Each structure stands twice: as C-alpha cells, then as structure tokens.
N, C-alpha and C. Protein backbone atom coordinates (compact mmCIF):
# COMPACT_ATOMS: atom_id res chain seq x y z
N UNK A 1 173.76 1.83 180.44
CA UNK A 1 173.40 1.29 179.28
C UNK A 1 174.55 0.13 179.08
N UNK A 2 174.03 -1.41 178.62
CA UNK A 2 175.26 -2.02 178.40
C UNK A 2 175.37 -2.12 176.82
N UNK A 3 176.61 -2.47 176.41
CA UNK A 3 176.62 -2.73 175.10
C UNK A 3 175.69 -3.29 174.17
N UNK A 4 175.19 -4.75 175.10
CA UNK A 4 174.21 -5.39 174.05
C UNK A 4 173.07 -4.74 174.25
N UNK A 5 172.48 -3.61 174.81
CA UNK A 5 171.23 -2.92 174.93
C UNK A 5 171.39 -2.10 173.89
N UNK A 6 172.77 -1.16 173.89
CA UNK A 6 172.97 0.07 173.00
C UNK A 6 173.07 -0.94 171.07
N UNK A 7 173.46 -1.88 171.09
CA UNK A 7 173.42 -2.79 169.74
C UNK A 7 172.29 -2.95 169.41
N UNK A 8 170.83 -3.18 170.24
CA UNK A 8 169.58 -3.57 170.26
C UNK A 8 169.06 -2.62 169.71
N UNK A 9 169.53 -1.14 170.36
CA UNK A 9 168.72 0.33 169.94
C UNK A 9 169.22 0.47 168.59
N UNK A 10 170.84 0.34 168.32
CA UNK A 10 170.97 0.94 166.67
C UNK A 10 170.31 -0.01 165.70
N UNK A 11 170.01 -1.50 165.94
CA UNK A 11 169.27 -2.19 165.04
C UNK A 11 168.27 -1.42 165.13
N UNK A 12 167.29 -1.61 165.91
CA UNK A 12 166.26 -1.10 165.80
C UNK A 12 165.93 -0.01 165.17
N UNK A 13 166.75 1.32 165.57
CA UNK A 13 166.91 2.34 165.06
C UNK A 13 167.45 2.40 163.15
N UNK A 14 167.94 1.48 162.96
CA UNK A 14 167.73 1.11 161.34
C UNK A 14 166.62 0.87 160.59
N UNK A 15 166.22 0.32 161.61
CA UNK A 15 164.83 -0.39 160.95
C UNK A 15 163.40 0.89 161.01
N UNK A 16 163.86 1.40 161.80
CA UNK A 16 162.47 2.56 162.11
C UNK A 16 162.78 3.70 160.76
N UNK A 17 164.39 3.93 160.48
CA UNK A 17 164.85 5.00 159.75
C UNK A 17 164.23 4.02 158.17
N UNK A 18 164.10 2.85 157.97
CA UNK A 18 163.96 2.55 156.39
C UNK A 18 162.61 1.59 156.33
N UNK A 19 161.83 1.90 157.51
CA UNK A 19 160.87 0.84 157.75
C UNK A 19 159.53 1.11 156.06
N UNK A 20 159.92 1.94 155.96
CA UNK A 20 158.76 2.02 154.63
C UNK A 20 159.01 1.65 153.49
N UNK A 21 160.87 1.80 153.09
CA UNK A 21 161.35 0.41 152.05
C UNK A 21 161.47 -0.44 152.36
N UNK A 22 161.74 -1.17 153.36
CA UNK A 22 161.76 -3.03 153.66
C UNK A 22 160.34 -3.09 153.53
N UNK A 23 160.21 -4.13 152.81
CA UNK A 23 158.87 -5.16 152.00
C UNK A 23 157.72 -4.24 151.90
N UNK A 24 158.00 -3.27 151.27
CA UNK A 24 157.00 -1.94 151.04
C UNK A 24 155.43 -2.90 150.50
N UNK A 25 156.12 -4.08 149.86
CA UNK A 25 154.57 -4.59 149.31
C UNK A 25 153.64 -5.48 150.17
N UNK A 26 154.33 -5.81 151.40
CA UNK A 26 153.56 -6.33 152.74
C UNK A 26 153.56 -7.80 152.18
N UNK A 27 154.52 -8.52 151.72
CA UNK A 27 154.52 -9.84 151.38
C UNK A 27 154.31 -10.79 152.77
N UNK A 28 154.05 -11.90 152.66
CA UNK A 28 153.59 -12.42 154.04
C UNK A 28 154.51 -13.88 153.85
N UNK A 29 154.81 -14.20 154.67
CA UNK A 29 155.49 -15.74 155.00
C UNK A 29 156.79 -15.40 154.23
N UNK A 30 157.29 -14.50 154.32
CA UNK A 30 159.05 -14.06 153.62
C UNK A 30 159.40 -13.58 154.61
N UNK A 31 161.35 -14.04 154.74
CA UNK A 31 161.97 -12.90 155.87
C UNK A 31 162.78 -12.81 155.06
N UNK A 32 164.11 -11.83 155.31
CA UNK A 32 165.48 -11.62 155.29
C UNK A 32 166.01 -11.81 156.06
N UNK A 33 168.05 -11.92 156.29
CA UNK A 33 168.88 -11.94 157.21
C UNK A 33 169.49 -10.65 156.69
N UNK A 34 169.69 -10.06 157.92
CA UNK A 34 170.59 -8.53 157.57
C UNK A 34 171.68 -9.12 158.24
N UNK A 35 172.93 -8.40 158.22
CA UNK A 35 174.31 -8.86 158.91
C UNK A 35 174.62 -7.37 159.34
N UNK A 36 174.78 -6.80 160.82
CA UNK A 36 175.37 -5.51 160.96
C UNK A 36 176.93 -5.72 161.59
N UNK A 37 177.42 -4.79 161.55
CA UNK A 37 179.09 -4.72 162.11
C UNK A 37 178.99 -3.35 162.79
N UNK A 38 179.55 -3.85 163.87
CA UNK A 38 179.90 -2.80 165.18
C UNK A 38 181.36 -2.33 165.41
N UNK A 39 181.53 -1.53 165.78
CA UNK A 39 182.48 -1.47 166.40
C UNK A 39 182.65 -0.59 167.91
N UNK A 40 183.72 -1.03 168.67
CA UNK A 40 183.52 -0.34 170.06
C UNK A 40 185.06 1.01 170.18
N UNK A 41 184.77 1.73 170.73
CA UNK A 41 186.28 2.58 171.34
C UNK A 41 186.71 2.06 172.28
N UNK A 42 188.06 3.02 172.42
CA UNK A 42 188.37 2.62 174.12
C UNK A 42 187.66 2.94 175.26
N UNK A 43 186.68 3.74 174.81
CA UNK A 43 185.43 3.88 176.35
C UNK A 43 184.54 3.27 176.21
N UNK A 44 184.49 2.06 175.16
CA UNK A 44 182.93 1.27 175.02
C UNK A 44 182.01 1.66 174.18
N UNK A 45 182.16 2.78 173.52
CA UNK A 45 180.73 3.24 172.87
C UNK A 45 180.81 2.36 171.73
N UNK A 46 179.61 2.28 171.51
CA UNK A 46 179.52 1.20 170.50
C UNK A 46 178.99 2.34 169.12
N UNK A 47 179.44 1.59 167.64
CA UNK A 47 179.53 2.76 166.67
C UNK A 47 178.97 1.50 165.46
N UNK A 48 177.73 2.18 165.02
CA UNK A 48 177.04 1.00 163.98
C UNK A 48 178.26 1.16 162.49
N UNK A 49 178.92 0.29 162.00
CA UNK A 49 179.58 0.52 160.74
C UNK A 49 178.84 0.72 159.51
N UNK A 50 178.00 -0.35 159.40
CA UNK A 50 177.38 -0.71 158.40
C UNK A 50 176.29 -1.76 158.78
N UNK A 51 175.14 -1.65 157.85
CA UNK A 51 173.92 -2.96 157.74
C UNK A 51 174.35 -3.56 156.24
N UNK A 52 174.17 -4.88 156.49
CA UNK A 52 174.32 -5.25 154.75
C UNK A 52 172.83 -6.36 154.61
N UNK A 53 172.60 -6.12 153.96
CA UNK A 53 171.31 -7.01 153.01
C UNK A 53 171.58 -8.44 152.62
N UNK A 54 172.61 -8.62 152.38
CA UNK A 54 173.62 -9.72 151.79
C UNK A 54 174.91 -10.10 152.61
N UNK A 55 174.76 -10.29 154.28
CA UNK A 55 175.89 -10.75 155.16
C UNK A 55 176.80 -12.10 154.72
N UNK A 56 177.78 -11.90 154.95
CA UNK A 56 178.89 -12.94 154.19
C UNK A 56 178.56 -14.09 155.00
N UNK A 57 178.20 -15.38 154.78
CA UNK A 57 177.84 -16.78 155.81
C UNK A 57 178.94 -17.56 155.42
N UNK A 58 180.15 -17.01 155.00
CA UNK A 58 181.38 -17.81 154.66
C UNK A 58 181.81 -18.41 155.87
N UNK A 59 182.30 -19.68 155.80
CA UNK A 59 183.06 -20.24 156.93
C UNK A 59 184.27 -20.37 156.79
N UNK A 60 184.98 -19.70 157.75
CA UNK A 60 186.67 -19.15 157.30
C UNK A 60 187.20 -19.31 158.56
N UNK A 61 186.66 -19.70 159.28
CA UNK A 61 187.65 -20.10 160.72
C UNK A 61 186.78 -21.17 161.12
N UNK A 62 187.26 -21.81 162.97
CA UNK A 62 186.66 -22.34 163.32
C UNK A 62 185.67 -21.82 164.44
N UNK A 63 185.64 -20.48 164.53
CA UNK A 63 184.61 -19.42 165.14
C UNK A 63 183.41 -19.81 164.25
N UNK A 64 183.39 -19.08 162.83
CA UNK A 64 182.15 -18.98 162.12
C UNK A 64 181.89 -20.29 162.02
N UNK A 65 182.64 -21.56 161.56
CA UNK A 65 182.02 -23.09 161.40
C UNK A 65 181.02 -23.31 162.59
N UNK A 66 181.26 -22.63 163.60
CA UNK A 66 180.22 -22.85 164.99
C UNK A 66 179.28 -22.10 164.40
N UNK A 67 179.62 -20.81 164.43
CA UNK A 67 178.50 -19.64 164.68
C UNK A 67 177.40 -19.91 163.49
N UNK A 68 177.94 -19.86 161.97
CA UNK A 68 177.40 -19.70 161.12
C UNK A 68 176.12 -20.73 160.76
N UNK A 69 176.49 -22.03 160.91
CA UNK A 69 175.57 -22.89 160.96
C UNK A 69 174.44 -22.77 162.11
N UNK A 70 174.59 -22.17 163.34
CA UNK A 70 173.58 -22.10 164.58
C UNK A 70 172.95 -21.37 164.65
N UNK A 71 173.29 -20.51 163.39
CA UNK A 71 172.59 -18.85 163.33
C UNK A 71 171.49 -19.20 161.86
N UNK A 72 172.34 -20.04 161.33
CA UNK A 72 171.23 -20.30 159.73
C UNK A 72 169.71 -21.61 160.40
N UNK A 73 170.34 -21.99 161.34
CA UNK A 73 169.12 -23.00 161.89
C UNK A 73 168.19 -22.63 162.92
N UNK A 74 169.00 -21.65 163.57
CA UNK A 74 167.79 -20.60 164.24
C UNK A 74 167.06 -19.76 163.85
N UNK A 75 167.89 -18.98 162.40
CA UNK A 75 166.82 -18.37 161.37
C UNK A 75 165.67 -19.17 160.81
N UNK A 76 165.81 -20.33 160.49
CA UNK A 76 165.13 -21.11 159.56
C UNK A 76 164.07 -21.42 160.48
N UNK A 77 164.40 -21.93 161.98
CA UNK A 77 163.33 -22.09 162.70
C UNK A 77 162.31 -21.55 163.15
N UNK A 78 162.91 -20.15 163.02
CA UNK A 78 161.98 -18.78 163.50
C UNK A 78 160.97 -18.83 162.29
N UNK A 79 161.79 -18.54 161.10
CA UNK A 79 161.13 -18.54 159.61
C UNK A 79 159.81 -19.19 159.11
N UNK A 80 160.56 -20.41 159.11
CA UNK A 80 159.87 -21.81 158.67
C UNK A 80 159.29 -22.89 159.61
N UNK A 81 159.79 -23.06 160.71
CA UNK A 81 159.04 -23.70 161.76
C UNK A 81 157.83 -23.56 161.91
N UNK A 82 157.01 -22.43 162.05
CA UNK A 82 155.75 -22.00 162.36
C UNK A 82 154.92 -22.23 161.22
N UNK A 83 155.28 -22.13 160.18
CA UNK A 83 154.39 -22.26 158.79
C UNK A 83 154.23 -23.88 158.76
N UNK A 84 155.45 -24.38 158.84
CA UNK A 84 155.69 -26.13 158.42
C UNK A 84 156.43 -26.94 159.66
N UNK A 85 155.59 -27.33 160.72
CA UNK A 85 155.80 -27.75 161.97
C UNK A 85 156.95 -29.29 161.57
N UNK A 86 158.11 -29.23 161.92
CA UNK A 86 159.11 -30.41 162.04
C UNK A 86 158.04 -31.64 162.63
N UNK A 87 158.64 -32.68 162.53
CA UNK A 87 158.13 -33.75 163.41
C UNK A 87 158.60 -33.60 165.07
N UNK A 88 157.93 -34.47 165.51
CA UNK A 88 158.08 -34.11 167.11
C UNK A 88 159.58 -34.57 167.90
N UNK A 89 159.96 -35.56 167.16
CA UNK A 89 161.56 -35.95 167.38
C UNK A 89 162.78 -35.20 166.51
N UNK A 90 162.16 -34.18 166.02
CA UNK A 90 163.24 -33.62 164.70
C UNK A 90 164.46 -33.20 165.58
N UNK A 91 164.07 -32.47 166.56
CA UNK A 91 165.19 -31.56 167.50
C UNK A 91 165.99 -32.41 168.26
N UNK A 92 165.29 -33.66 168.53
CA UNK A 92 166.26 -34.44 169.72
C UNK A 92 167.39 -35.24 168.58
N UNK A 93 166.86 -35.29 167.12
CA UNK A 93 167.37 -35.87 166.50
C UNK A 93 168.55 -35.55 165.47
N UNK A 94 168.20 -34.37 165.29
CA UNK A 94 168.96 -32.81 164.44
C UNK A 94 170.29 -32.83 165.08
N UNK A 95 171.47 -32.88 164.43
CA UNK A 95 172.66 -32.37 165.11
C UNK A 95 173.46 -31.23 164.13
N UNK A 96 174.27 -30.09 164.52
CA UNK A 96 174.58 -29.22 163.24
C UNK A 96 176.24 -29.13 164.04
N UNK A 97 176.83 -29.36 163.66
CA UNK A 97 178.37 -29.15 163.91
C UNK A 97 178.25 -30.06 164.67
N UNK A 98 178.05 -31.06 165.46
CA UNK A 98 178.11 -31.93 166.46
C UNK A 98 177.85 -31.27 167.82
N UNK A 99 176.59 -30.13 168.03
CA UNK A 99 176.16 -29.82 168.64
C UNK A 99 174.33 -29.67 168.69
N UNK A 100 173.48 -29.87 169.28
CA UNK A 100 172.09 -30.07 168.98
C UNK A 100 172.06 -28.41 169.65
N UNK A 101 170.94 -27.93 168.82
CA UNK A 101 170.51 -26.56 169.24
C UNK A 101 169.00 -26.61 169.53
N UNK A 102 168.70 -26.75 170.64
CA UNK A 102 167.36 -26.65 171.36
C UNK A 102 166.53 -25.44 171.92
N UNK A 103 167.65 -24.34 171.74
CA UNK A 103 166.65 -23.15 172.18
C UNK A 103 166.92 -22.42 170.89
N UNK A 104 165.81 -21.10 170.54
CA UNK A 104 166.13 -20.08 169.69
C UNK A 104 166.41 -19.03 170.21
N UNK A 105 167.70 -18.38 169.62
CA UNK A 105 168.72 -17.73 170.22
C UNK A 105 168.09 -16.44 169.35
N UNK A 106 167.23 -15.87 169.18
CA UNK A 106 166.89 -14.51 168.51
C UNK A 106 165.92 -13.88 169.47
N UNK A 107 165.95 -12.45 169.45
CA UNK A 107 164.81 -11.96 170.04
C UNK A 107 164.35 -11.03 169.31
N UNK A 108 163.17 -9.91 169.62
CA UNK A 108 162.50 -8.89 168.68
C UNK A 108 163.30 -7.70 169.12
N UNK A 109 163.76 -6.96 168.39
CA UNK A 109 164.13 -5.77 168.90
C UNK A 109 163.65 -4.54 168.13
N UNK A 110 162.26 -4.84 167.14
CA UNK A 110 161.76 -4.15 166.73
C UNK A 110 160.55 -4.53 166.19
N UNK A 111 159.54 -3.77 166.39
CA UNK A 111 157.92 -4.57 165.75
C UNK A 111 157.21 -3.09 165.60
N UNK A 112 156.94 -3.02 164.44
CA UNK A 112 156.45 -1.91 163.94
C UNK A 112 155.03 -2.09 164.47
N UNK A 113 154.57 -2.76 165.00
CA UNK A 113 152.74 -2.85 165.47
C UNK A 113 152.98 -2.38 166.89
N UNK A 114 154.46 -2.34 167.60
CA UNK A 114 154.38 -1.96 168.73
C UNK A 114 155.25 -0.81 169.16
N UNK A 115 156.39 -0.96 168.10
CA UNK A 115 157.21 0.03 168.35
C UNK A 115 156.61 1.84 167.72
N UNK A 116 155.89 2.70 168.67
CA UNK A 116 155.77 3.90 168.03
C UNK A 116 154.60 3.74 167.20
N UNK A 117 153.95 4.93 167.59
CA UNK A 117 152.32 5.01 167.05
C UNK A 117 152.74 5.78 165.72
N UNK A 118 153.87 6.60 165.49
CA UNK A 118 153.96 7.15 163.96
C UNK A 118 154.36 6.00 163.24
N UNK A 119 154.85 4.72 163.73
CA UNK A 119 155.05 4.06 162.31
C UNK A 119 153.96 3.14 162.05
N UNK A 120 152.67 3.10 163.07
CA UNK A 120 151.67 2.51 162.59
C UNK A 120 151.11 2.34 161.38
N UNK A 121 150.50 1.43 160.71
CA UNK A 121 149.81 1.61 159.27
C UNK A 121 150.89 1.94 157.98
N UNK A 122 152.01 2.10 158.07
CA UNK A 122 152.90 2.40 157.51
C UNK A 122 153.78 1.29 156.71
N UNK A 123 153.99 0.16 157.72
CA UNK A 123 154.13 -0.90 157.28
C UNK A 123 154.51 -2.01 158.70
N UNK A 124 154.22 -3.15 158.09
CA UNK A 124 154.25 -4.06 159.54
C UNK A 124 155.29 -4.85 159.18
N UNK A 125 155.41 -5.91 160.31
CA UNK A 125 156.38 -6.91 160.70
C UNK A 125 157.40 -6.58 162.08
N UNK A 126 157.95 -7.62 162.02
CA UNK A 126 158.97 -7.85 163.18
C UNK A 126 160.39 -7.90 162.66
N UNK A 127 161.40 -7.09 163.24
CA UNK A 127 162.78 -7.63 163.16
C UNK A 127 163.01 -8.37 164.18
N UNK A 128 163.86 -9.59 164.20
CA UNK A 128 164.44 -10.54 165.08
C UNK A 128 165.56 -10.82 164.97
N UNK A 129 166.73 -10.62 165.97
CA UNK A 129 168.02 -10.71 166.43
C UNK A 129 168.53 -11.72 166.74
N UNK A 130 169.73 -12.44 166.43
CA UNK A 130 170.35 -13.76 167.13
C UNK A 130 170.94 -12.97 168.48
N UNK A 131 170.60 -13.75 169.28
CA UNK A 131 171.16 -13.17 170.89
C UNK A 131 172.76 -13.81 171.23
N UNK A 132 173.10 -12.78 171.60
CA UNK A 132 174.80 -13.48 172.14
C UNK A 132 174.87 -14.83 172.31
N UNK A 133 175.74 -15.40 172.46
CA UNK A 133 175.78 -16.86 173.26
C UNK A 133 176.19 -16.36 174.95
N UNK A 134 176.95 -15.55 175.01
CA UNK A 134 177.78 -14.79 176.39
C UNK A 134 176.38 -14.14 177.14
N UNK A 135 175.90 -14.62 178.22
CA UNK A 135 174.90 -14.01 178.38
C UNK A 135 175.27 -12.52 179.46
N UNK A 136 176.79 -12.54 180.04
CA UNK A 136 177.18 -11.64 180.91
C UNK A 136 177.18 -10.49 180.02
N UNK A 137 176.68 -9.48 180.42
CA UNK A 137 176.45 -7.88 179.86
C UNK A 137 176.95 -7.24 180.96
N UNK A 138 178.34 -6.65 181.05
CA UNK A 138 178.92 -5.67 181.47
C UNK A 138 178.51 -4.23 181.17
N UNK A 139 178.09 -3.85 182.46
CA UNK A 139 177.49 -2.27 182.40
C UNK A 139 178.44 -1.53 182.40
N UNK A 140 178.20 -0.47 181.33
CA UNK A 140 179.09 0.86 181.20
C UNK A 140 178.27 1.74 181.64
N UNK A 141 178.92 2.83 181.75
CA UNK A 141 178.22 4.17 181.80
C UNK A 141 177.72 4.84 181.09
N UNK A 142 176.46 5.42 181.03
CA UNK A 142 175.46 5.61 179.73
C UNK A 142 176.19 7.18 179.54
N UNK A 143 176.94 7.75 179.95
CA UNK A 143 177.82 8.81 179.40
C UNK A 143 178.91 8.46 178.04
N UNK A 144 179.18 7.26 178.65
CA UNK A 144 179.87 6.63 177.11
C UNK A 144 179.59 6.24 175.91
N UNK A 145 178.02 6.15 176.10
CA UNK A 145 177.44 5.53 174.81
C UNK A 145 176.68 6.97 173.74
C-alpha cells in the first residue's frame, strides 16, 4: 500500500470513528475544513499525529503562499459552486497567486452512504480531501504500514 493510500485510510477512519458527532443535526449546505498532521518513520510507516477542526491557514513561507490560496479556492469550488454557479468565463479570468486553478484537487475518502452498512442511517455526508499535487506514488511494502 502506498503512503497516500494509507493517509486516505487514516482520514476515513477518523470520520468513521466520529461520524455520530459530526453534523449531528444534519444541516444542509454547510461544510467544514479539517487539517491533518501525519508523520513518517524511517521505514515509511504513516502515523496520524492529530486532526484539527481549526487548521492554521497562515501564510508563513513561499510554499504556504501557494498552497493555502489554492486549497481554499478548491474548497470553495467544491462547497459553494454547486449551489451558486459562477459565470461561464469565471475560471478563465480568475487568477490566484499568479496561477489559474482549472481542476478541483479534492477526492472523496469517506461517504457514509457508501462506506459500510453499519454507518447507514447514523449520519449523512461525504468527506473530501485535497489530493496531492505530485502524482508519483512510491509503493512501499504492506508490512511496513
């Protein structure tokens, strides 16, 4: 299993473990942004350090100056655009930190309607995470995960 797959599984597991506490009132047309911190050991085993309900969006470096606006742009496109469609030429004219972000870089890692019969009826909704920019996924042995 690759590192990215293990991270996806850990994120989905946190939502499975807390599904009854998240949006217990079943509000529609809302979203939350979560931040996850992971660590790799010298054998590339992935550890979940923490999950944050209020992740830091501070721009502290050239890397975060590029990543944070892109992530926020994509998050709002996933959460808001389906409800309020932007004008047709919006994506062509919109620039963020000097780049156009034409693709949504999030993916569903947990959907309570799909992931397990034991969770159906307890809560609804989907969890979507931003996909990494680098598409190279180095395979590591399953025994190290």
